[in-house]
Amino acid sequence: MKVWVVVSGVPYESSEAIEGVYSSEEKAKEKLATLDNDRLSYAYYEECEVE
C-alpha cells in the first residue's frame, strides 16, 4: 500500500515533524498547501510503501 507522508522542519535545527500520513497524493498536497512554508522553514511530502 502506498501512503504519502507530509514533513515539515527548519533548516539547521536537525528536527523534522510528521504533519500527517495520507492515503492519496491529493490529500497530501492539500495539507502541504496549508503549512507555513517560508524561507525559514520547509515542508514536503514523499511517497512511502507500507504493508
PDB file of N, CA and C in Angstrom:
ATOM      1  N   MET A   1       0.845  -1.175   0.000  1.00  0.00           N
ATOM      2  CA  MET A   1       0.000   0.000   0.000  1.00  0.00           C
ATOM      3  C   MET A   1       0.892   1.241   0.000  1.00  0.00           C
ATOM      4  N   LYS A   2       0.509   2.202  -0.788  1.00  0.00           N
ATOM      5  CA  LYS A   2       1.251   3.464  -0.829  1.00  0.00           C
ATOM      6  C   LYS A   2       0.573   4.497   0.062  1.00  0.00           C
ATOM      7  N   VAL A   3       1.393   5.269   0.767  1.00  0.00           N
ATOM      8  CA  VAL A   3       0.917   6.406   1.543  1.00  0.00           C
ATOM      9  C   VAL A   3       1.824   7.589   1.251  1.00  0.00           C
ATOM     10  N   TRP A   4       1.338   8.782   1.546  1.00  0.00           N
ATOM     11  CA  TRP A   4       2.118   9.998   1.358  1.00  0.00           C
ATOM     12  C   TRP A   4       2.291  10.658   2.714  1.00  0.00           C
ATOM     13  N   VAL A   5       3.529  10.934   3.061  1.00  0.00           N
ATOM     14  CA  VAL A   5       3.869  11.499   4.361  1.00  0.00           C
ATOM     15  C   VAL A   5       4.252  12.963   4.172  1.00  0.00           C
ATOM     16  N   VAL A   6       3.608  13.858   4.912  1.00  0.00           N
ATOM     17  CA  VAL A   6       3.913  15.285   4.865  1.00  0.00           C
ATOM     18  C   VAL A   6       4.839  15.596   6.039  1.00  0.00           C
ATOM     19  N   VAL A   7       5.971  16.223   5.726  1.00  0.00           N
ATOM     20  CA  VAL A   7       7.010  16.512   6.713  1.00  0.00           C
ATOM     21  C   VAL A   7       7.314  18.002   6.683  1.00  0.00           C
ATOM     22  N   SER A   8       7.567  18.590   7.854  1.00  0.00           N
ATOM     23  CA  SER A   8       7.993  19.987   7.915  1.00  0.00           C
ATOM     24  C   SER A   8       9.194  20.093   8.833  1.00  0.00           C
ATOM     25  N   GLY A   9       9.932  21.176   8.680  1.00  0.00           N
ATOM     26  CA  GLY A   9      11.100  21.378   9.527  1.00  0.00           C
ATOM     27  C   GLY A   9      11.706  22.747   9.334  1.00  0.00           C
ATOM     28  N   VAL A  10      12.798  22.966  10.045  1.00  0.00           N
ATOM     29  CA  VAL A  10      13.542  24.220   9.968  1.00  0.00           C
ATOM     30  C   VAL A  10      14.992  23.859   9.668  1.00  0.00           C
ATOM     31  N   PRO A  11      15.586  24.450   8.617  1.00  0.00           N
ATOM     32  CA  PRO A  11      16.976  24.132   8.300  1.00  0.00           C
ATOM     33  C   PRO A  11      17.904  24.387   9.483  1.00  0.00           C
ATOM     34  N   TYR A  12      18.911  23.576   9.584  1.00  0.00           N
ATOM     35  CA  TYR A  12      19.977  23.705  10.589  1.00  0.00           C
ATOM     36  C   TYR A  12      19.524  23.391  12.009  1.00  0.00           C
ATOM     37  N   GLU A  13      18.304  22.894  12.204  1.00  0.00           N
ATOM     38  CA  GLU A  13      17.859  22.535  13.549  1.00  0.00           C
ATOM     39  C   GLU A  13      17.741  21.025  13.726  1.00  0.00           C
ATOM     40  N   SER A  14      18.078  20.279  12.729  1.00  0.00           N
ATOM     41  CA  SER A  14      18.097  18.805  12.735  1.00  0.00           C
ATOM     42  C   SER A  14      16.863  18.172  13.376  1.00  0.00           C
ATOM     43  N   SER A  15      15.724  18.798  13.164  1.00  0.00           N
ATOM     44  CA  SER A  15      14.486  18.177  13.630  1.00  0.00           C
ATOM     45  C   SER A  15      13.413  18.381  12.573  1.00  0.00           C
ATOM     46  N   GLU A  16      12.641  17.344  12.359  1.00  0.00           N
ATOM     47  CA  GLU A  16      11.529  17.408  11.435  1.00  0.00           C
ATOM     48  C   GLU A  16      10.297  16.860  12.143  1.00  0.00           C
ATOM     49  N   ALA A  17       9.138  17.290  11.691  1.00  0.00           N
ATOM     50  CA  ALA A  17       7.882  16.809  12.265  1.00  0.00           C
ATOM     51  C   ALA A  17       7.035  16.196  11.160  1.00  0.00           C
ATOM     52  N   ILE A  18       6.446  15.058  11.457  1.00  0.00           N
ATOM     53  CA  ILE A  18       5.488  14.465  10.532  1.00  0.00           C
ATOM     54  C   ILE A  18       4.159  15.175  10.762  1.00  0.00           C
ATOM     55  N   GLU A  19       3.687  15.840   9.730  1.00  0.00           N
ATOM     56  CA  GLU A  19       2.437  16.597   9.822  1.00  0.00           C
ATOM     57  C   GLU A  19       1.223  15.717   9.548  1.00  0.00           C
ATOM     58  N   GLY A  20       1.425  14.620   8.843  1.00  0.00           N
ATOM     59  CA  GLY A  20       0.317  13.720   8.562  1.00  0.00           C
ATOM     60  C   GLY A  20       0.710  12.635   7.588  1.00  0.00           C
ATOM     61  N   VAL A  21      -0.096  11.572   7.570  1.00  0.00           N
ATOM     62  CA  VAL A  21       0.076  10.456   6.642  1.00  0.00           C
ATOM     63  C   VAL A  21      -1.249  10.307   5.908  1.00  0.00           C
ATOM     64  N   TYR A  22      -1.194  10.292   4.580  1.00  0.00           N
ATOM     65  CA  TYR A  22      -2.406  10.327   3.774  1.00  0.00           C
ATOM     66  C   TYR A  22      -2.435   9.191   2.764  1.00  0.00           C
ATOM     67  N   SER A  23      -3.631   8.761   2.431  1.00  0.00           N
ATOM     68  CA  SER A  23      -3.807   7.650   1.502  1.00  0.00           C
ATOM     69  C   SER A  23      -3.802   8.091   0.046  1.00  0.00           C
ATOM     70  N   SER A  24      -3.835   9.402  -0.197  1.00  0.00           N
ATOM     71  CA  SER A  24      -3.785   9.889  -1.577  1.00  0.00           C
ATOM     72  C   SER A  24      -2.839  11.080  -1.684  1.00  0.00           C
ATOM     73  N   GLU A  25      -2.233  11.199  -2.835  1.00  0.00           N
ATOM     74  CA  GLU A  25      -1.309  12.311  -3.072  1.00  0.00           C
ATOM     75  C   GLU A  25      -2.041  13.645  -3.033  1.00  0.00           C
ATOM     76  N   GLU A  26      -3.283  13.670  -3.492  1.00  0.00           N
ATOM     77  CA  GLU A  26      -4.059  14.905  -3.495  1.00  0.00           C
ATOM     78  C   GLU A  26      -4.269  15.439  -2.078  1.00  0.00           C
ATOM     79  N   LYS A  27      -4.577  14.545  -1.142  1.00  0.00           N
ATOM     80  CA  LYS A  27      -4.770  14.973   0.252  1.00  0.00           C
ATOM     81  C   LYS A  27      -3.466  15.478   0.855  1.00  0.00           C
ATOM     82  N   ALA A  28      -2.354  14.847   0.496  1.00  0.00           N
ATOM     83  CA  ALA A  28      -1.046  15.310   0.979  1.00  0.00           C
ATOM     84  C   ALA A  28      -0.750  16.705   0.435  1.00  0.00           C
ATOM     85  N   LYS A  29      -1.077  16.939  -0.830  1.00  0.00           N
ATOM     86  CA  LYS A  29      -0.862  18.264  -1.427  1.00  0.00           C
ATOM     87  C   LYS A  29      -1.722  19.318  -0.740  1.00  0.00           C
ATOM     88  N   GLU A  30      -2.964  18.952  -0.394  1.00  0.00           N
ATOM     89  CA  GLU A  30      -3.848  19.889   0.305  1.00  0.00           C
ATOM     90  C   GLU A  30      -3.259  20.276   1.659  1.00  0.00           C
ATOM     91  N   LYS A  31      -2.759  19.302   2.404  1.00  0.00           N
ATOM     92  CA  LYS A  31      -2.146  19.586   3.706  1.00  0.00           C
ATOM     93  C   LYS A  31      -0.907  20.451   3.535  1.00  0.00           C
ATOM     94  N   LEU A  32      -0.093  20.134   2.536  1.00  0.00           N
ATOM     95  CA  LEU A  32       1.125  20.892   2.269  1.00  0.00           C
ATOM     96  C   LEU A  32       0.797  22.356   1.999  1.00  0.00           C
ATOM     97  N   ALA A  33      -0.290  22.608   1.298  1.00  0.00           N
ATOM     98  CA  ALA A  33      -0.689  23.976   0.967  1.00  0.00           C
ATOM     99  C   ALA A  33      -1.089  24.778   2.204  1.00  0.00           C
ATOM    100  N   THR A  34      -1.487  24.102   3.278  1.00  0.00           N
ATOM    101  CA  THR A  34      -1.913  24.815   4.486  1.00  0.00           C
ATOM    102  C   THR A  34      -0.753  25.159   5.415  1.00  0.00           C
ATOM    103  N   LEU A  35       0.416  24.578   5.181  1.00  0.00           N
ATOM    104  CA  LEU A  35       1.560  24.808   6.070  1.00  0.00           C
ATOM    105  C   LEU A  35       2.280  26.097   5.715  1.00  0.00           C
ATOM    106  N   ASP A  36       2.817  26.755   6.722  1.00  0.00           N
ATOM    107  CA  ASP A  36       3.608  27.972   6.528  1.00  0.00           C
ATOM    108  C   ASP A  36       4.977  27.562   6.000  1.00  0.00           C
ATOM    109  N   ASN A  37       5.211  27.783   4.716  1.00  0.00           N
ATOM    110  CA  ASN A  37       6.437  27.340   4.060  1.00  0.00           C
ATOM    111  C   ASN A  37       7.190  28.577   3.571  1.00  0.00           C
ATOM    112  N   ASP A  38       7.907  29.237   4.484  1.00  0.00           N
ATOM    113  CA  ASP A  38       8.644  30.445   4.119  1.00  0.00           C
ATOM    114  C   ASP A  38      10.137  30.142   4.030  1.00  0.00           C
ATOM    115  N   ARG A  39      10.942  31.163   3.923  1.00  0.00           N
ATOM    116  CA  ARG A  39      12.376  30.943   3.736  1.00  0.00           C
ATOM    117  C   ARG A  39      13.063  30.424   4.993  1.00  0.00           C
ATOM    118  N   LEU A  40      12.387  30.485   6.136  1.00  0.00           N
ATOM    119  CA  LEU A  40      12.970  29.991   7.382  1.00  0.00           C
ATOM    120  C   LEU A  40      12.503  28.583   7.744  1.00  0.00           C
ATOM    121  N   SER A  41      11.574  28.037   6.990  1.00  0.00           N
ATOM    122  CA  SER A  41      11.106  26.677   7.237  1.00  0.00           C
ATOM    123  C   SER A  41      10.838  25.994   5.901  1.00  0.00           C
ATOM    124  N   TYR A  42      10.601  24.711   5.953  1.00  0.00           N
ATOM    125  CA  TYR A  42      10.313  23.977   4.724  1.00  0.00           C
ATOM    126  C   TYR A  42       9.280  22.896   5.014  1.00  0.00           C
ATOM    127  N   ALA A  43       8.647  22.433   3.967  1.00  0.00           N
ATOM    128  CA  ALA A  43       7.697  21.330   4.068  1.00  0.00           C
ATOM    129  C   ALA A  43       7.686  20.604   2.732  1.00  0.00           C
ATOM    130  N   TYR A  44       7.480  19.308   2.804  1.00  0.00           N
ATOM    131  CA  TYR A  44       7.430  18.491   1.593  1.00  0.00           C
ATOM    132  C   TYR A  44       6.642  17.225   1.897  1.00  0.00           C
ATOM    133  N   TYR A  45       6.303  16.492   0.839  1.00  0.00           N
ATOM    134  CA  TYR A  45       5.697  15.183   1.042  1.00  0.00           C
ATOM    135  C   TYR A  45       6.468  14.165   0.232  1.00  0.00           C
ATOM    136  N   GLU A  46       6.429  12.934   0.690  1.00  0.00           N
ATOM    137  CA  GLU A  46       7.094  11.863  -0.035  1.00  0.00           C
ATOM    138  C   GLU A  46       6.233  10.608   0.008  1.00  0.00           C
ATOM    139  N   GLU A  47       6.366   9.827  -1.036  1.00  0.00           N
ATOM    140  CA  GLU A  47       5.621   8.583  -1.153  1.00  0.00           C
ATOM    141  C   GLU A  47       6.364   7.478  -0.413  1.00  0.00           C
ATOM    142  N   CYS A  48       5.621   6.677   0.338  1.00  0.00           N
ATOM    143  CA  CYS A  48       6.212   5.560   1.081  1.00  0.00           C
ATOM    144  C   CYS A  48       5.378   4.307   0.842  1.00  0.00           C
ATOM    145  N   GLU A  49       6.022   3.188   0.890  1.00  0.00           N
ATOM    146  CA  GLU A  49       5.348   1.898   0.754  1.00  0.00           C
ATOM    147  C   GLU A  49       5.235   1.269   2.141  1.00  0.00           C
ATOM    148  N   VAL A  50       4.022   0.871   2.526  1.00  0.00           N
ATOM    149  CA  VAL A  50       3.802   0.212   3.815  1.00  0.00           C
ATOM    150  C   VAL A  50       3.051  -1.100   3.591  1.00  0.00           C
ATOM    151  N   GLU A  51       3.195  -1.996   4.537  1.00  0.00           N
ATOM    152  CA  GLU A  51       2.500  -3.289   4.432  1.00  0.00           C
ATOM    153  C   GLU A  51       1.186  -3.268   5.167  1.00  0.00           C
TER     154      GLU A  51
END
